PDB file of N, CA and C in Angstrom:
ATOM      1  N   UNK A   1      79.662 -13.695 179.344  1.00  0.00           N
ATOM      2  CA  UNK A   1      78.521 -13.170 178.604  1.00  0.00           C
ATOM      3  C   UNK A   1      78.178 -11.782 179.132  1.00  0.00           C
ATOM      4  N   UNK A   2      77.932 -10.861 178.239  1.00  0.00           N
ATOM      5  CA  UNK A   2      77.610  -9.497 178.635  1.00  0.00           C
ATOM      6  C   UNK A   2      76.097  -9.297 178.652  1.00  0.00           C
ATOM      7  N   UNK A   3      75.631  -8.629 179.675  1.00  0.00           N
ATOM      8  CA  UNK A   3      74.206  -8.318 179.802  1.00  0.00           C
ATOM      9  C   UNK A   3      73.947  -6.852 179.464  1.00  0.00           C
ATOM     10  N   UNK A   4      74.936  -6.182 178.926  1.00  0.00           N
ATOM     11  CA  UNK A   4      74.819  -4.757 178.626  1.00  0.00           C
ATOM     12  C   UNK A   4      73.652  -4.442 177.696  1.00  0.00           C
ATOM     13  N   UNK A   5      73.443  -5.205 176.606  1.00  0.00           N
ATOM     14  CA  UNK A   5      72.292  -4.897 175.741  1.00  0.00           C
ATOM     15  C   UNK A   5      70.960  -5.027 176.483  1.00  0.00           C
ATOM     16  N   UNK A   6      70.865  -5.989 177.384  1.00  0.00           N
ATOM     17  CA  UNK A   6      69.642  -6.171 178.158  1.00  0.00           C
ATOM     18  C   UNK A   6      69.411  -4.987 179.093  1.00  0.00           C
ATOM     19  N   UNK A   7      70.460  -4.550 179.780  1.00  0.00           N
ATOM     20  CA  UNK A   7      70.350  -3.391 180.677  1.00  0.00           C
ATOM     21  C   UNK A   7      69.974  -2.155 179.872  1.00  0.00           C
ATOM     22  N   UNK A   8      70.602  -1.982 178.720  1.00  0.00           N
ATOM     23  CA  UNK A   8      70.309  -0.822 177.872  1.00  0.00           C
ATOM     24  C   UNK A   8      68.857  -0.837 177.405  1.00  0.00           C
ATOM     25  N   UNK A   9      68.351  -1.988 177.010  1.00  0.00           N
ATOM     26  CA  UNK A   9      66.967  -2.109 176.575  1.00  0.00           C
ATOM     27  C   UNK A   9      66.005  -1.723 177.695  1.00  0.00           C
ATOM     28  N   UNK A  10      66.245  -2.222 178.883  1.00  0.00           N
ATOM     29  CA  UNK A  10      65.384  -1.899 180.022  1.00  0.00           C
ATOM     30  C   UNK A  10      65.376  -0.400 180.324  1.00  0.00           C
ATOM     31  N   UNK A  11      66.559   0.186 180.418  1.00  0.00           N
ATOM     32  CA  UNK A  11      66.659   1.590 180.822  1.00  0.00           C
ATOM     33  C   UNK A  11      66.119   2.514 179.735  1.00  0.00           C
ATOM     34  N   UNK A  12      66.354   2.192 178.466  1.00  0.00           N
ATOM     35  CA  UNK A  12      65.843   3.039 177.376  1.00  0.00           C
ATOM     36  C   UNK A  12      64.321   3.140 177.397  1.00  0.00           C
ATOM     37  N   UNK A  13      63.643   2.101 177.854  1.00  0.00           N
ATOM     38  CA  UNK A  13      62.184   2.114 177.919  1.00  0.00           C
ATOM     39  C   UNK A  13      61.664   3.007 179.043  1.00  0.00           C
ATOM     40  N   UNK A  14      62.505   3.311 180.008  1.00  0.00           N
ATOM     41  CA  UNK A  14      62.082   4.071 181.186  1.00  0.00           C
ATOM     42  C   UNK A  14      62.354   5.562 181.048  1.00  0.00           C
ATOM     43  N   UNK A  15      63.508   5.929 180.519  1.00  0.00           N
ATOM     44  CA  UNK A  15      63.928   7.337 180.501  1.00  0.00           C
ATOM     45  C   UNK A  15      63.277   8.120 179.370  1.00  0.00           C
ATOM     46  N   UNK A  16      63.222   9.450 179.526  1.00  0.00           N
ATOM     47  CA  UNK A  16      62.687  10.336 178.499  1.00  0.00           C
ATOM     48  C   UNK A  16      63.743  10.762 177.481  1.00  0.00           C
ATOM     49  N   UNK A  17      65.008  10.760 177.897  1.00  0.00           N
ATOM     50  CA  UNK A  17      66.103  11.172 177.014  1.00  0.00           C
ATOM     51  C   UNK A  17      67.069   9.998 176.805  1.00  0.00           C
ATOM     52  N   UNK A  18      66.692   9.033 175.968  1.00  0.00           N
ATOM     53  CA  UNK A  18      67.557   7.860 175.776  1.00  0.00           C
ATOM     54  C   UNK A  18      68.891   8.185 175.104  1.00  0.00           C
ATOM     55  N   UNK A  19      68.972   9.336 174.419  1.00  0.00           N
ATOM     56  CA  UNK A  19      70.237   9.697 173.769  1.00  0.00           C
ATOM     57  C   UNK A  19      71.312  10.071 174.777  1.00  0.00           C
ATOM     58  N   UNK A  20      70.924  10.415 176.010  1.00  0.00           N
ATOM     59  CA  UNK A  20      71.887  10.775 177.050  1.00  0.00           C
ATOM     60  C   UNK A  20      72.353   9.556 177.847  1.00  0.00           C
ATOM     61  N   UNK A  21      71.834   8.384 177.521  1.00  0.00           N
ATOM     62  CA  UNK A  21      72.147   7.167 178.265  1.00  0.00           C
ATOM     63  C   UNK A  21      73.522   6.632 177.888  1.00  0.00           C
ATOM     64  N   UNK A  22      74.347   6.357 178.897  1.00  0.00           N
ATOM     65  CA  UNK A  22      75.616   5.659 178.689  1.00  0.00           C
ATOM     66  C   UNK A  22      75.730   4.580 179.758  1.00  0.00           C
ATOM     67  N   UNK A  23      76.285   3.453 179.365  1.00  0.00           N
ATOM     68  CA  UNK A  23      76.434   2.335 180.286  1.00  0.00           C
ATOM     69  C   UNK A  23      77.872   1.854 180.218  1.00  0.00           C
ATOM     70  N   UNK A  24      78.508   1.785 181.380  1.00  0.00           N
ATOM     71  CA  UNK A  24      79.862   1.230 181.469  1.00  0.00           C
ATOM     72  C   UNK A  24      79.770  -0.073 182.251  1.00  0.00           C
ATOM     73  N   UNK A  25      80.445  -1.091 181.751  1.00  0.00           N
ATOM     74  CA  UNK A  25      80.413  -2.398 182.383  1.00  0.00           C
ATOM     75  C   UNK A  25      81.789  -2.730 182.947  1.00  0.00           C
ATOM     76  N   UNK A  26      81.814  -3.154 184.196  1.00  0.00           N
ATOM     77  CA  UNK A  26      83.043  -3.621 184.834  1.00  0.00           C
ATOM     78  C   UNK A  26      82.867  -5.106 185.136  1.00  0.00           C
ATOM     79  N   UNK A  27      83.830  -5.903 184.735  1.00  0.00           N
ATOM     80  CA  UNK A  27      83.777  -7.339 184.997  1.00  0.00           C
ATOM     81  C   UNK A  27      84.947  -7.730 185.883  1.00  0.00           C
ATOM     82  N   UNK A  28      84.625  -8.482 186.915  1.00  0.00           N
ATOM     83  CA  UNK A  28      85.655  -8.973 187.823  1.00  0.00           C
ATOM     84  C   UNK A  28      85.261 -10.383 188.236  1.00  0.00           C
ATOM     85  N   UNK A  29      85.935 -11.372 187.650  1.00  0.00           N
ATOM     86  CA  UNK A  29      85.577 -12.758 187.944  1.00  0.00           C
ATOM     87  C   UNK A  29      84.191 -13.065 187.413  1.00  0.00           C
ATOM     88  N   UNK A  30      83.312 -13.493 188.296  1.00  0.00           N
ATOM     89  CA  UNK A  30      81.944 -13.782 187.867  1.00  0.00           C
ATOM     90  C   UNK A  30      80.971 -12.692 188.324  1.00  0.00           C
ATOM     91  N   UNK A  31      81.492 -11.487 188.531  1.00  0.00           N
ATOM     92  CA  UNK A  31      80.675 -10.348 188.956  1.00  0.00           C
ATOM     93  C   UNK A  31      80.766  -9.242 187.913  1.00  0.00           C
ATOM     94  N   UNK A  32      79.608  -8.687 187.565  1.00  0.00           N
ATOM     95  CA  UNK A  32      79.548  -7.580 186.617  1.00  0.00           C
ATOM     96  C   UNK A  32      78.815  -6.412 187.266  1.00  0.00           C
ATOM     97  N   UNK A  33      79.386  -5.224 187.102  1.00  0.00           N
ATOM     98  CA  UNK A  33      78.769  -4.007 187.619  1.00  0.00           C
ATOM     99  C   UNK A  33      78.497  -3.080 186.452  1.00  0.00           C
ATOM    100  N   UNK A  34      77.270  -2.608 186.369  1.00  0.00           N
ATOM    101  CA  UNK A  34      76.863  -1.695 185.303  1.00  0.00           C
ATOM    102  C   UNK A  34      76.660  -0.309 185.889  1.00  0.00           C
ATOM    103  N   UNK A  35      77.431   0.650 185.406  1.00  0.00           N
ATOM    104  CA  UNK A  35      77.289   2.050 185.819  1.00  0.00           C
ATOM    105  C   UNK A  35      76.434   2.728 184.763  1.00  0.00           C
ATOM    106  N   UNK A  36      75.194   3.026 185.121  1.00  0.00           N
ATOM    107  CA  UNK A  36      74.223   3.598 184.193  1.00  0.00           C
ATOM    108  C   UNK A  36      74.176   5.099 184.424  1.00  0.00           C
ATOM    109  N   UNK A  37      74.513   5.868 183.389  1.00  0.00           N
ATOM    110  CA  UNK A  37      74.444   7.337 183.469  1.00  0.00           C
ATOM    111  C   UNK A  37      73.285   7.804 182.614  1.00  0.00           C
ATOM    112  N   UNK A  38      72.419   8.606 183.217  1.00  0.00           N
ATOM    113  CA  UNK A  38      71.269   9.152 182.502  1.00  0.00           C
ATOM    114  C   UNK A  38      71.252  10.657 182.704  1.00  0.00           C
ATOM    115  N   UNK A  39      70.410  11.347 181.945  1.00  0.00           N
ATOM    116  CA  UNK A  39      70.265  12.799 182.079  1.00  0.00           C
ATOM    117  C   UNK A  39      69.772  13.117 183.496  1.00  0.00           C
ATOM    118  N   UNK A  40      70.178  14.265 184.040  1.00  0.00           N
ATOM    119  CA  UNK A  40      69.756  14.626 185.406  1.00  0.00           C
ATOM    120  C   UNK A  40      68.240  14.598 185.607  1.00  0.00           C
ATOM    121  N   UNK A  41      67.478  14.921 184.568  1.00  0.00           N
ATOM    122  CA  UNK A  41      66.023  14.896 184.687  1.00  0.00           C
ATOM    123  C   UNK A  41      65.464  13.472 184.766  1.00  0.00           C
ATOM    124  N   UNK A  42      66.224  12.500 184.292  1.00  0.00           N
ATOM    125  CA  UNK A  42      65.750  11.117 184.267  1.00  0.00           C
ATOM    126  C   UNK A  42      66.173  10.289 185.473  1.00  0.00           C
ATOM    127  N   UNK A  43      67.015  10.829 186.327  1.00  0.00           N
ATOM    128  CA  UNK A  43      67.481  10.059 187.489  1.00  0.00           C
ATOM    129  C   UNK A  43      66.299   9.663 188.368  1.00  0.00           C
ATOM    130  N   UNK A  44      65.442  10.624 188.668  1.00  0.00           N
ATOM    131  CA  UNK A  44      64.277  10.339 189.504  1.00  0.00           C
ATOM    132  C   UNK A  44      63.322   9.362 188.854  1.00  0.00           C
ATOM    133  N   UNK A  45      63.168   9.475 187.553  1.00  0.00           N
ATOM    134  CA  UNK A  45      62.293   8.565 186.817  1.00  0.00           C
ATOM    135  C   UNK A  45      62.840   7.142 186.878  1.00  0.00           C
ATOM    136  N   UNK A  46      64.150   6.992 186.749  1.00  0.00           N
ATOM    137  CA  UNK A  46      64.763   5.663 186.776  1.00  0.00           C
ATOM    138  C   UNK A  46      64.755   5.068 188.178  1.00  0.00           C
ATOM    139  N   UNK A  47      64.953   5.891 189.180  1.00  0.00           N
ATOM    140  CA  UNK A  47      64.935   5.384 190.552  1.00  0.00           C
ATOM    141  C   UNK A  47      63.511   5.041 190.966  1.00  0.00           C
ATOM    142  N   UNK A  48      62.566   5.902 190.625  1.00  0.00           N
ATOM    143  CA  UNK A  48      61.166   5.632 190.940  1.00  0.00           C
ATOM    144  C   UNK A  48      60.825   5.966 192.380  1.00  0.00           C
ATOM    145  N   UNK A  49      59.559   5.898 192.672  1.00  0.00           N
ATOM    146  CA  UNK A  49      59.078   6.216 194.018  1.00  0.00           C
ATOM    147  C   UNK A  49      59.564   5.140 194.988  1.00  0.00           C
ATOM    148  N   UNK A  50      60.263   5.581 196.010  1.00  0.00           N
ATOM    149  CA  UNK A  50      60.858   4.692 197.013  1.00  0.00           C
ATOM    150  C   UNK A  50      61.812   3.663 196.408  1.00  0.00           C
ATOM    151  N   UNK A  51      62.359   3.953 195.224  1.00  0.00           N
ATOM    152  CA  UNK A  51      63.344   3.072 194.611  1.00  0.00           C
ATOM    153  C   UNK A  51      62.765   1.829 193.965  1.00  0.00           C
ATOM    154  N   UNK A  52      61.482   1.834 193.703  1.00  0.00           N
ATOM    155  CA  UNK A  52      60.837   0.630 193.170  1.00  0.00           C
ATOM    156  C   UNK A  52      61.260   0.301 191.741  1.00  0.00           C
ATOM    157  N   UNK A  53      61.416   1.300 190.899  1.00  0.00           N
ATOM    158  CA  UNK A  53      61.759   1.042 189.494  1.00  0.00           C
ATOM    159  C   UNK A  53      63.172   0.484 189.390  1.00  0.00           C
ATOM    160  N   UNK A  54      64.119   1.125 190.052  1.00  0.00           N
ATOM    161  CA  UNK A  54      65.497   0.646 189.974  1.00  0.00           C
ATOM    162  C   UNK A  54      65.626  -0.720 190.653  1.00  0.00           C
ATOM    163  N   UNK A  55      64.851  -0.982 191.667  1.00  0.00           N
ATOM    164  CA  UNK A  55      64.867  -2.305 192.304  1.00  0.00           C
ATOM    165  C   UNK A  55      64.381  -3.375 191.338  1.00  0.00           C
ATOM    166  N   UNK A  56      63.363  -3.047 190.555  1.00  0.00           N
ATOM    167  CA  UNK A  56      62.862  -3.999 189.564  1.00  0.00           C
ATOM    168  C   UNK A  56      63.900  -4.257 188.476  1.00  0.00           C
ATOM    169  N   UNK A  57      64.567  -3.206 188.018  1.00  0.00           N
ATOM    170  CA  UNK A  57      65.617  -3.356 187.005  1.00  0.00           C
ATOM    171  C   UNK A  57      66.738  -4.226 187.557  1.00  0.00           C
ATOM    172  N   UNK A  58      67.145  -3.960 188.783  1.00  0.00           N
ATOM    173  CA  UNK A  58      68.215  -4.751 189.406  1.00  0.00           C
ATOM    174  C   UNK A  58      67.813  -6.205 189.555  1.00  0.00           C
ATOM    175  N   UNK A  59      66.560  -6.460 189.923  1.00  0.00           N
ATOM    176  CA  UNK A  59      66.084  -7.833 190.087  1.00  0.00           C
ATOM    177  C   UNK A  59      66.100  -8.585 188.758  1.00  0.00           C
ATOM    178  N   UNK A  60      65.673  -7.926 187.684  1.00  0.00           N
ATOM    179  CA  UNK A  60      65.682  -8.570 186.364  1.00  0.00           C
ATOM    180  C   UNK A  60      67.095  -8.886 185.900  1.00  0.00           C
ATOM    181  N   UNK A  61      67.987  -7.926 186.047  1.00  0.00           N
ATOM    182  CA  UNK A  61      69.373  -8.136 185.610  1.00  0.00           C
ATOM    183  C   UNK A  61      70.034  -9.223 186.453  1.00  0.00           C
ATOM    184  N   UNK A  62      69.779  -9.227 187.742  1.00  0.00           N
ATOM    185  CA  UNK A  62      70.341 -10.254 188.622  1.00  0.00           C
ATOM    186  C   UNK A  62      69.812 -11.640 188.273  1.00  0.00           C
ATOM    187  N   UNK A  63      68.527 -11.721 187.931  1.00  0.00           N
ATOM    188  CA  UNK A  63      67.935 -13.009 187.573  1.00  0.00           C
ATOM    189  C   UNK A  63      68.548 -13.569 186.291  1.00  0.00           C
ATOM    190  N   UNK A  64      68.772 -12.702 185.313  1.00  0.00           N
ATOM    191  CA  UNK A  64      69.393 -13.147 184.060  1.00  0.00           C
ATOM    192  C   UNK A  64      70.830 -13.603 184.329  1.00  0.00           C
ATOM    193  N   UNK A  65      71.539 -12.868 185.151  1.00  0.00           N
ATOM    194  CA  UNK A  65      72.930 -13.229 185.467  1.00  0.00           C
ATOM    195  C   UNK A  65      72.990 -14.526 186.272  1.00  0.00           C
ATOM    196  N   UNK A  66      72.026 -14.735 187.143  1.00  0.00           N
ATOM    197  CA  UNK A  66      72.031 -15.929 187.993  1.00  0.00           C
ATOM    198  C   UNK A  66      71.892 -17.207 187.161  1.00  0.00           C
ATOM    199  N   UNK A  67      71.260 -17.112 186.009  1.00  0.00           N
ATOM    200  CA  UNK A  67      71.136 -18.285 185.141  1.00  0.00           C
ATOM    201  C   UNK A  67      72.504 -18.790 184.706  1.00  0.00           C
ATOM    202  N   UNK A  68      73.478 -17.880 184.616  1.00  0.00           N
ATOM    203  CA  UNK A  68      74.842 -18.240 184.229  1.00  0.00           C
ATOM    204  C   UNK A  68      75.779 -18.282 185.423  1.00  0.00           C
ATOM    205  N   UNK A  69      75.203 -18.361 186.613  1.00  0.00           N
ATOM    206  CA  UNK A  69      75.980 -18.412 187.860  1.00  0.00           C
ATOM    207  C   UNK A  69      76.909 -17.211 188.004  1.00  0.00           C
ATOM    208  N   UNK A  70      76.369 -16.049 187.695  1.00  0.00           N
ATOM    209  CA  UNK A  70      77.102 -14.802 187.838  1.00  0.00           C
ATOM    210  C   UNK A  70      76.290 -13.846 188.698  1.00  0.00           C
ATOM    211  N   UNK A  71      76.944 -12.772 189.111  1.00  0.00           N
ATOM    212  CA  UNK A  71      76.274 -11.712 189.845  1.00  0.00           C
ATOM    213  C   UNK A  71      76.331 -10.452 189.014  1.00  0.00           C
ATOM    214  N   UNK A  72      75.270  -9.662 189.086  1.00  0.00           N
ATOM    215  CA  UNK A  72      75.231  -8.408 188.336  1.00  0.00           C
ATOM    216  C   UNK A  72      74.657  -7.322 189.219  1.00  0.00           C
ATOM    217  N   UNK A  73      75.287  -6.162 189.186  1.00  0.00           N
ATOM    218  CA  UNK A  73      74.853  -5.014 189.968  1.00  0.00           C
ATOM    219  C   UNK A  73      74.627  -3.836 189.026  1.00  0.00           C
ATOM    220  N   UNK A  74      73.617  -3.028 189.333  1.00  0.00           N
ATOM    221  CA  UNK A  74      73.290  -1.856 188.539  1.00  0.00           C
ATOM    222  C   UNK A  74      73.394  -0.632 189.436  1.00  0.00           C
ATOM    223  N   UNK A  75      74.225   0.318 189.055  1.00  0.00           N
ATOM    224  CA  UNK A  75      74.389   1.569 189.792  1.00  0.00           C
ATOM    225  C   UNK A  75      73.956   2.729 188.903  1.00  0.00           C
ATOM    226  N   UNK A  76      73.150   3.616 189.447  1.00  0.00           N
ATOM    227  CA  UNK A  76      72.612   4.746 188.684  1.00  0.00           C
ATOM    228  C   UNK A  76      73.400   6.009 189.023  1.00  0.00           C
ATOM    229  N   UNK A  77      73.813   6.736 187.985  1.00  0.00           N
ATOM    230  CA  UNK A  77      74.567   7.976 188.160  1.00  0.00           C
ATOM    231  C   UNK A  77      73.989   9.039 187.244  1.00  0.00           C
ATOM    232  N   UNK A  78      74.063  10.292 187.671  1.00  0.00           N
ATOM    233  CA  UNK A  78      73.615  11.399 186.826  1.00  0.00           C
ATOM    234  C   UNK A  78      74.761  11.786 185.883  1.00  0.00           C
ATOM    235  N   UNK A  79      74.424  12.128 184.663  1.00  0.00           N
ATOM    236  CA  UNK A  79      75.435  12.491 183.665  1.00  0.00           C
ATOM    237  C   UNK A  79      75.944  13.898 183.910  1.00  0.00           C
TER     238      UNK A  79
END
């Protein structure tokens, strides 16, 4: 099961330039890694103060994945 639409929904609500958002998903066994690329101006907004926003996004995605006994990781990159 792919969680890409869920990750995209979360990140689109946070960034100012959703048209610059791209998400690549890597699947290996029961582990999924999402490489989230946003506009350079939105990196700080997505990470948040002391990393709180990105930690919350990671916690939500991990919780959804855990229901299916999978692991999910979210990595933020500048476009």
